């Protein structure tokens, strides 16, 4: 098997390995996306963007307040 002359995308073993790698990457991404911390962070940030108007001082204060709310959300289990 000469990998420079063969078309790898027609090789079933190569496609199987690539498929397994893609499934593993998707599983890790979805597990991280649906974690409790990320769910809380998205919910708090969505509410926080309403109050943010581009002022750096206001954004820093909002980020500090969001950190406390995210910790509270994680402690309560996203309730």
PDB file of N, CA and C in Angstrom:
ATOM      1  N   UNK A   1       0.845  -1.172   0.000  1.00  0.00           N
ATOM      2  CA  UNK A   1       0.000   0.000   0.000  1.00  0.00           C
ATOM      3  C   UNK A   1       0.894   1.241   0.000  1.00  0.00           C
ATOM      4  N   UNK A   2       0.818   1.986  -1.053  1.00  0.00           N
ATOM      5  CA  UNK A   2       1.590   3.221  -1.181  1.00  0.00           C
ATOM      6  C   UNK A   2       0.645   4.384  -0.926  1.00  0.00           C
ATOM      7  N   UNK A   3       0.861   5.072   0.200  1.00  0.00           N
ATOM      8  CA  UNK A   3      -0.086   6.118   0.575  1.00  0.00           C
ATOM      9  C   UNK A   3      -0.010   7.333  -0.337  1.00  0.00           C
ATOM     10  N   UNK A   4       1.079   7.463  -1.087  1.00  0.00           N
ATOM     11  CA  UNK A   4       1.187   8.605  -1.984  1.00  0.00           C
ATOM     12  C   UNK A   4       0.441   8.376  -3.293  1.00  0.00           C
ATOM     13  N   UNK A   5       0.237   7.128  -3.663  1.00  0.00           N
ATOM     14  CA  UNK A   5      -0.453   6.826  -4.910  1.00  0.00           C
ATOM     15  C   UNK A   5      -1.893   6.384  -4.690  1.00  0.00           C
ATOM     16  N   UNK A   6      -2.185   5.783  -3.553  1.00  0.00           N
ATOM     17  CA  UNK A   6      -3.537   5.305  -3.274  1.00  0.00           C
ATOM     18  C   UNK A   6      -4.425   6.455  -2.806  1.00  0.00           C
ATOM     19  N   UNK A   7      -5.692   6.335  -3.073  1.00  0.00           N
ATOM     20  CA  UNK A   7      -6.656   7.307  -2.573  1.00  0.00           C
ATOM     21  C   UNK A   7      -7.134   6.825  -1.204  1.00  0.00           C
ATOM     22  N   UNK A   8      -6.713   7.541  -0.140  1.00  0.00           N
ATOM     23  CA  UNK A   8      -7.018   7.081   1.210  1.00  0.00           C
ATOM     24  C   UNK A   8      -8.504   7.131   1.521  1.00  0.00           C
ATOM     25  N   UNK A   9      -9.239   8.022   0.884  1.00  0.00           N
ATOM     26  CA  UNK A   9     -10.663   8.136   1.182  1.00  0.00           C
ATOM     27  C   UNK A   9     -11.481   7.002   0.564  1.00  0.00           C
ATOM     28  N   UNK A  10     -10.847   6.147  -0.210  1.00  0.00           N
ATOM     29  CA  UNK A  10     -11.517   4.936  -0.710  1.00  0.00           C
ATOM     30  C   UNK A  10     -11.153   3.717   0.134  1.00  0.00           C
ATOM     31  N   UNK A  11     -10.209   3.875   1.040  1.00  0.00           N
ATOM     32  CA  UNK A  11      -9.772   2.784   1.895  1.00  0.00           C
ATOM     33  C   UNK A  11     -10.718   2.691   3.099  1.00  0.00           C
ATOM     34  N   UNK A  12     -11.374   1.542   3.267  1.00  0.00           N
ATOM     35  CA  UNK A  12     -12.372   1.396   4.333  1.00  0.00           C
ATOM     36  C   UNK A  12     -11.744   1.431   5.718  1.00  0.00           C
ATOM     37  N   UNK A  13     -10.531   0.972   5.886  1.00  0.00           N
ATOM     38  CA  UNK A  13      -9.887   0.996   7.195  1.00  0.00           C
ATOM     39  C   UNK A  13      -9.528   2.434   7.602  1.00  0.00           C
ATOM     40  N   UNK A  14      -9.038   3.205   6.648  1.00  0.00           N
ATOM     41  CA  UNK A  14      -8.723   4.604   6.905  1.00  0.00           C
ATOM     42  C   UNK A  14      -9.992   5.364   7.274  1.00  0.00           C
ATOM     43  N   UNK A  15     -11.068   5.142   6.546  1.00  0.00           N
ATOM     44  CA  UNK A  15     -12.333   5.818   6.841  1.00  0.00           C
ATOM     45  C   UNK A  15     -12.880   5.411   8.197  1.00  0.00           C
ATOM     46  N   UNK A  16     -12.697   4.131   8.561  1.00  0.00           N
ATOM     47  CA  UNK A  16     -13.150   3.655   9.861  1.00  0.00           C
ATOM     48  C   UNK A  16     -12.393   4.358  10.988  1.00  0.00           C
ATOM     49  N   UNK A  17     -11.088   4.489  10.854  1.00  0.00           N
ATOM     50  CA  UNK A  17     -10.272   5.144  11.881  1.00  0.00           C
ATOM     51  C   UNK A  17     -10.653   6.621  11.977  1.00  0.00           C
ATOM     52  N   UNK A  18     -10.797   7.287  10.850  1.00  0.00           N
ATOM     53  CA  UNK A  18     -11.194   8.698  10.848  1.00  0.00           C
ATOM     54  C   UNK A  18     -12.585   8.850  11.483  1.00  0.00           C
ATOM     55  N   UNK A  19     -13.498   7.951  11.197  1.00  0.00           N
ATOM     56  CA  UNK A  19     -14.838   7.991  11.791  1.00  0.00           C
ATOM     57  C   UNK A  19     -14.792   7.842  13.300  1.00  0.00           C
ATOM     58  N   UNK A  20     -13.985   6.925  13.791  1.00  0.00           N
ATOM     59  CA  UNK A  20     -13.840   6.721  15.236  1.00  0.00           C
ATOM     60  C   UNK A  20     -13.269   7.986  15.886  1.00  0.00           C
ATOM     61  N   UNK A  21     -12.270   8.596  15.264  1.00  0.00           N
ATOM     62  CA  UNK A  21     -11.670   9.820  15.810  1.00  0.00           C
ATOM     63  C   UNK A  21     -12.703  10.942  15.856  1.00  0.00           C
ATOM     64  N   UNK A  22     -13.506  11.084  14.818  1.00  0.00           N
ATOM     65  CA  UNK A  22     -14.545  12.121  14.783  1.00  0.00           C
ATOM     66  C   UNK A  22     -15.587  11.887  15.869  1.00  0.00           C
ATOM     67  N   UNK A  23     -15.985  10.645  16.080  1.00  0.00           N
ATOM     68  CA  UNK A  23     -16.967  10.327  17.121  1.00  0.00           C
ATOM     69  C   UNK A  23     -16.408  10.667  18.501  1.00  0.00           C
ATOM     70  N   UNK A  24     -15.148  10.370  18.740  1.00  0.00           N
ATOM     71  CA  UNK A  24     -14.533  10.675  20.031  1.00  0.00           C
ATOM     72  C   UNK A  24     -14.476  12.180  20.255  1.00  0.00           C
ATOM     73  N   UNK A  25     -14.086  12.936  19.228  1.00  0.00           N
ATOM     74  CA  UNK A  25     -14.016  14.395  19.345  1.00  0.00           C
ATOM     75  C   UNK A  25     -15.400  14.980  19.598  1.00  0.00           C
ATOM     76  N   UNK A  26     -16.429  14.500  18.893  1.00  0.00           N
ATOM     77  CA  UNK A  26     -17.788  14.990  19.111  1.00  0.00           C
ATOM     78  C   UNK A  26     -18.291  14.663  20.514  1.00  0.00           C
ATOM     79  N   UNK A  27     -17.968  13.471  21.003  1.00  0.00           N
ATOM     80  CA  UNK A  27     -18.376  13.082  22.350  1.00  0.00           C
ATOM     81  C   UNK A  27     -17.757  13.999  23.397  1.00  0.00           C
ATOM     82  N   UNK A  28     -16.475  14.290  23.251  1.00  0.00           N
ATOM     83  CA  UNK A  28     -15.793  15.176  24.207  1.00  0.00           C
ATOM     84  C   UNK A  28     -16.377  16.579  24.132  1.00  0.00           C
ATOM     85  N   UNK A  29     -16.634  17.071  22.915  1.00  0.00           N
ATOM     86  CA  UNK A  29     -17.203  18.417  22.753  1.00  0.00           C
ATOM     87  C   UNK A  29     -18.587  18.509  23.391  1.00  0.00           C
ATOM     88  N   UNK A  30     -19.449  17.534  23.118  1.00  0.00           N
ATOM     89  CA  UNK A  30     -20.805  17.573  23.675  1.00  0.00           C
ATOM     90  C   UNK A  30     -20.798  17.409  25.190  1.00  0.00           C
ATOM     91  N   UNK A  31     -19.902  16.598  25.704  1.00  0.00           N
ATOM     92  CA  UNK A  31     -19.799  16.429  27.154  1.00  0.00           C
ATOM     93  C   UNK A  31     -19.380  17.741  27.805  1.00  0.00           C
ATOM     94  N   UNK A  32     -18.426  18.442  27.203  1.00  0.00           N
ATOM     95  CA  UNK A  32     -17.978  19.730  27.738  1.00  0.00           C
ATOM     96  C   UNK A  32     -19.051  20.797  27.574  1.00  0.00           C
ATOM     97  N   UNK A  33     -19.744  20.796  26.448  1.00  0.00           N
ATOM     98  CA  UNK A  33     -20.774  21.805  26.179  1.00  0.00           C
ATOM     99  C   UNK A  33     -21.941  21.681  27.154  1.00  0.00           C
ATOM    100  N   UNK A  34     -22.283  20.469  27.538  1.00  0.00           N
ATOM    101  CA  UNK A  34     -23.429  20.237  28.419  1.00  0.00           C
ATOM    102  C   UNK A  34     -23.041  20.135  29.890  1.00  0.00           C
ATOM    103  N   UNK A  35     -21.802  20.476  30.236  1.00  0.00           N
ATOM    104  CA  UNK A  35     -21.413  20.418  31.639  1.00  0.00           C
ATOM    105  C   UNK A  35     -22.166  21.477  32.436  1.00  0.00           C
ATOM    106  N   UNK A  36     -22.300  21.243  33.706  1.00  0.00           N
ATOM    107  CA  UNK A  36     -23.050  22.139  34.580  1.00  0.00           C
ATOM    108  C   UNK A  36     -22.437  23.539  34.588  1.00  0.00           C
ATOM    109  N   UNK A  37     -21.119  23.609  34.640  1.00  0.00           N
ATOM    110  CA  UNK A  37     -20.459  24.916  34.675  1.00  0.00           C
ATOM    111  C   UNK A  37     -20.736  25.709  33.399  1.00  0.00           C
ATOM    112  N   UNK A  38     -20.657  25.064  32.243  1.00  0.00           N
ATOM    113  CA  UNK A  38     -20.901  25.771  30.990  1.00  0.00           C
ATOM    114  C   UNK A  38     -22.366  26.157  30.830  1.00  0.00           C
ATOM    115  N   UNK A  39     -23.279  25.331  31.300  1.00  0.00           N
ATOM    116  CA  UNK A  39     -24.696  25.699  31.247  1.00  0.00           C
ATOM    117  C   UNK A  39     -24.955  26.933  32.098  1.00  0.00           C
ATOM    118  N   UNK A  40     -24.392  26.965  33.291  1.00  0.00           N
ATOM    119  CA  UNK A  40     -24.551  28.138  34.163  1.00  0.00           C
ATOM    120  C   UNK A  40     -23.904  29.364  33.541  1.00  0.00           C
ATOM    121  N   UNK A  41     -22.709  29.199  32.986  1.00  0.00           N
ATOM    122  CA  UNK A  41     -22.000  30.319  32.385  1.00  0.00           C
ATOM    123  C   UNK A  41     -22.797  30.901  31.212  1.00  0.00           C
ATOM    124  N   UNK A  42     -23.340  30.063  30.349  1.00  0.00           N
ATOM    125  CA  UNK A  42     -24.125  30.558  29.210  1.00  0.00           C
ATOM    126  C   UNK A  42     -25.379  31.282  29.675  1.00  0.00           C
ATOM    127  N   UNK A  43     -26.052  30.734  30.691  1.00  0.00           N
ATOM    128  CA  UNK A  43     -27.277  31.360  31.183  1.00  0.00           C
ATOM    129  C   UNK A  43     -26.999  32.727  31.805  1.00  0.00           C
ATOM    130  N   UNK A  44     -25.950  32.817  32.625  1.00  0.00           N
ATOM    131  CA  UNK A  44     -25.599  34.077  33.283  1.00  0.00           C
ATOM    132  C   UNK A  44     -25.087  35.090  32.260  1.00  0.00           C
ATOM    133  N   UNK A  45     -24.256  34.659  31.315  1.00  0.00           N
ATOM    134  CA  UNK A  45     -23.724  35.581  30.314  1.00  0.00           C
ATOM    135  C   UNK A  45     -24.826  36.104  29.396  1.00  0.00           C
ATOM    136  N   UNK A  46     -25.820  35.273  29.115  1.00  0.00           N
ATOM    137  CA  UNK A  46     -26.934  35.728  28.283  1.00  0.00           C
ATOM    138  C   UNK A  46     -27.683  36.859  28.978  1.00  0.00           C
ATOM    139  N   UNK A  47     -27.876  36.721  30.272  1.00  0.00           N
ATOM    140  CA  UNK A  47     -28.534  37.788  31.035  1.00  0.00           C
ATOM    141  C   UNK A  47     -27.606  38.985  31.188  1.00  0.00           C
ATOM    142  N   UNK A  48     -26.301  38.751  31.296  1.00  0.00           N
ATOM    143  CA  UNK A  48     -25.347  39.827  31.491  1.00  0.00           C
ATOM    144  C   UNK A  48     -25.150  40.696  30.265  1.00  0.00           C
ATOM    145  N   UNK A  49     -25.347  40.154  29.085  1.00  0.00           N
ATOM    146  CA  UNK A  49     -25.169  40.957  27.878  1.00  0.00           C
ATOM    147  C   UNK A  49     -26.239  42.034  27.769  1.00  0.00           C
ATOM    148  N   UNK A  50     -27.343  41.846  28.445  1.00  0.00           N
ATOM    149  CA  UNK A  50     -28.394  42.856  28.449  1.00  0.00           C
ATOM    150  C   UNK A  50     -27.919  44.129  29.143  1.00  0.00           C
ATOM    151  N   UNK A  51     -27.114  43.979  30.190  1.00  0.00           N
ATOM    152  CA  UNK A  51     -26.661  45.114  30.977  1.00  0.00           C
ATOM    153  C   UNK A  51     -25.344  45.708  30.476  1.00  0.00           C
ATOM    154  N   UNK A  52     -24.591  44.961  29.699  1.00  0.00           N
ATOM    155  CA  UNK A  52     -23.300  45.436  29.220  1.00  0.00           C
ATOM    156  C   UNK A  52     -23.489  46.375  28.040  1.00  0.00           C
ATOM    157  N   UNK A  53     -22.798  47.522  28.091  1.00  0.00           N
ATOM    158  CA  UNK A  53     -22.935  48.506  27.019  1.00  0.00           C
ATOM    159  C   UNK A  53     -21.599  48.882  26.416  1.00  0.00           C
ATOM    160  N   UNK A  54     -20.548  48.107  26.626  1.00  0.00           N
ATOM    161  CA  UNK A  54     -19.271  48.358  25.995  1.00  0.00           C
ATOM    162  C   UNK A  54     -18.280  49.119  26.848  1.00  0.00           C
ATOM    163  N   UNK A  55     -18.677  49.648  27.993  1.00  0.00           N
ATOM    164  CA  UNK A  55     -17.779  50.354  28.887  1.00  0.00           C
ATOM    165  C   UNK A  55     -16.906  49.318  29.604  1.00  0.00           C
ATOM    166  N   UNK A  56     -15.567  49.486  29.553  1.00  0.00           N
ATOM    167  CA  UNK A  56     -14.651  48.494  30.128  1.00  0.00           C
ATOM    168  C   UNK A  56     -14.824  48.336  31.634  1.00  0.00           C
ATOM    169  N   UNK A  57     -15.009  49.426  32.347  1.00  0.00           N
ATOM    170  CA  UNK A  57     -15.190  49.348  33.792  1.00  0.00           C
ATOM    171  C   UNK A  57     -16.475  48.600  34.113  1.00  0.00           C
ATOM    172  N   UNK A  58     -17.522  48.898  33.381  1.00  0.00           N
ATOM    173  CA  UNK A  58     -18.801  48.230  33.609  1.00  0.00           C
ATOM    174  C   UNK A  58     -18.702  46.742  33.263  1.00  0.00           C
ATOM    175  N   UNK A  59     -17.958  46.401  32.203  1.00  0.00           N
ATOM    176  CA  UNK A  59     -17.769  44.997  31.844  1.00  0.00           C
ATOM    177  C   UNK A  59     -16.991  44.252  32.922  1.00  0.00           C
ATOM    178  N   UNK A  60     -15.972  44.879  33.499  1.00  0.00           N
ATOM    179  CA  UNK A  60     -15.194  44.234  34.564  1.00  0.00           C
ATOM    180  C   UNK A  60     -16.034  44.002  35.813  1.00  0.00           C
ATOM    181  N   UNK A  61     -16.845  44.972  36.172  1.00  0.00           N
ATOM    182  CA  UNK A  61     -17.736  44.801  37.323  1.00  0.00           C
ATOM    183  C   UNK A  61     -18.743  43.694  37.059  1.00  0.00           C
ATOM    184  N   UNK A  62     -19.282  43.671  35.845  1.00  0.00           N
ATOM    185  CA  UNK A  62     -20.251  42.636  35.474  1.00  0.00           C
ATOM    186  C   UNK A  62     -19.609  41.254  35.490  1.00  0.00           C
ATOM    187  N   UNK A  63     -18.376  41.139  35.007  1.00  0.00           N
ATOM    188  CA  UNK A  63     -17.682  39.845  35.015  1.00  0.00           C
ATOM    189  C   UNK A  63     -17.424  39.367  36.440  1.00  0.00           C
ATOM    190  N   UNK A  64     -17.079  40.283  37.338  1.00  0.00           N
ATOM    191  CA  UNK A  64     -16.866  39.907  38.737  1.00  0.00           C
ATOM    192  C   UNK A  64     -18.167  39.427  39.368  1.00  0.00           C
ATOM    193  N   UNK A  65     -19.265  40.099  39.056  1.00  0.00           N
ATOM    194  CA  UNK A  65     -20.563  39.687  39.594  1.00  0.00           C
ATOM    195  C   UNK A  65     -21.003  38.353  38.983  1.00  0.00           C
ATOM    196  N   UNK A  66     -20.713  38.157  37.704  1.00  0.00           N
ATOM    197  CA  UNK A  66     -21.102  36.901  37.053  1.00  0.00           C
ATOM    198  C   UNK A  66     -20.343  35.726  37.635  1.00  0.00           C
ATOM    199  N   UNK A  67     -19.090  35.935  38.018  1.00  0.00           N
ATOM    200  CA  UNK A  67     -18.303  34.854  38.610  1.00  0.00           C
ATOM    201  C   UNK A  67     -18.968  34.337  39.883  1.00  0.00           C
ATOM    202  N   UNK A  68     -19.444  35.249  40.715  1.00  0.00           N
ATOM    203  CA  UNK A  68     -20.134  34.842  41.944  1.00  0.00           C
ATOM    204  C   UNK A  68     -21.449  34.131  41.621  1.00  0.00           C
ATOM    205  N   UNK A  69     -22.175  34.626  40.626  1.00  0.00           N
ATOM    206  CA  UNK A  69     -23.443  33.992  40.252  1.00  0.00           C
ATOM    207  C   UNK A  69     -23.223  32.617  39.632  1.00  0.00           C
ATOM    208  N   UNK A  70     -22.147  32.472  38.851  1.00  0.00           N
ATOM    209  CA  UNK A  70     -21.848  31.171  38.274  1.00  0.00           C
ATOM    210  C   UNK A  70     -21.517  30.171  39.361  1.00  0.00           C
ATOM    211  N   UNK A  71     -20.719  30.585  40.352  1.00  0.00           N
ATOM    212  CA  UNK A  71     -20.390  29.696  41.470  1.00  0.00           C
ATOM    213  C   UNK A  71     -21.642  29.305  42.247  1.00  0.00           C
ATOM    214  N   UNK A  72     -22.540  30.253  42.445  1.00  0.00           N
ATOM    215  CA  UNK A  72     -23.793  29.959  43.141  1.00  0.00           C
ATOM    216  C   UNK A  72     -24.662  29.012  42.324  1.00  0.00           C
ATOM    217  N   UNK A  73     -24.710  29.220  41.022  1.00  0.00           N
ATOM    218  CA  UNK A  73     -25.496  28.347  40.136  1.00  0.00           C
ATOM    219  C   UNK A  73     -24.963  26.923  40.168  1.00  0.00           C
ATOM    220  N   UNK A  74     -23.630  26.783  40.144  1.00  0.00           N
ATOM    221  CA  UNK A  74     -23.033  25.447  40.194  1.00  0.00           C
ATOM    222  C   UNK A  74     -23.327  24.778  41.533  1.00  0.00           C
ATOM    223  N   UNK A  75     -23.238  25.568  42.616  1.00  0.00           N
ATOM    224  CA  UNK A  75     -23.505  25.029  43.949  1.00  0.00           C
ATOM    225  C   UNK A  75     -24.947  24.539  44.058  1.00  0.00           C
ATOM    226  N   UNK A  76     -25.887  25.279  43.451  1.00  0.00           N
ATOM    227  CA  UNK A  76     -27.308  24.903  43.522  1.00  0.00           C
ATOM    228  C   UNK A  76     -27.722  23.902  42.459  1.00  0.00           C
ATOM    229  N   UNK A  77     -26.840  23.578  41.546  1.00  0.00           N
ATOM    230  CA  UNK A  77     -27.170  22.580  40.534  1.00  0.00           C
ATOM    231  C   UNK A  77     -27.979  23.131  39.388  1.00  0.00           C
ATOM    232  N   UNK A  78     -27.694  24.347  38.932  1.00  0.00           N
ATOM    233  CA  UNK A  78     -28.343  24.982  37.774  1.00  0.00           C
ATOM    234  C   UNK A  78     -29.839  25.164  37.993  1.00  0.00           C
ATOM    235  N   UNK A  79     -30.229  25.588  39.172  1.00  0.00           N
ATOM    236  CA  UNK A  79     -31.648  25.809  39.457  1.00  0.00           C
ATOM    237  C   UNK A  79     -31.949  27.263  39.561  1.00  0.00           C
TER     238      UNK A  79
END
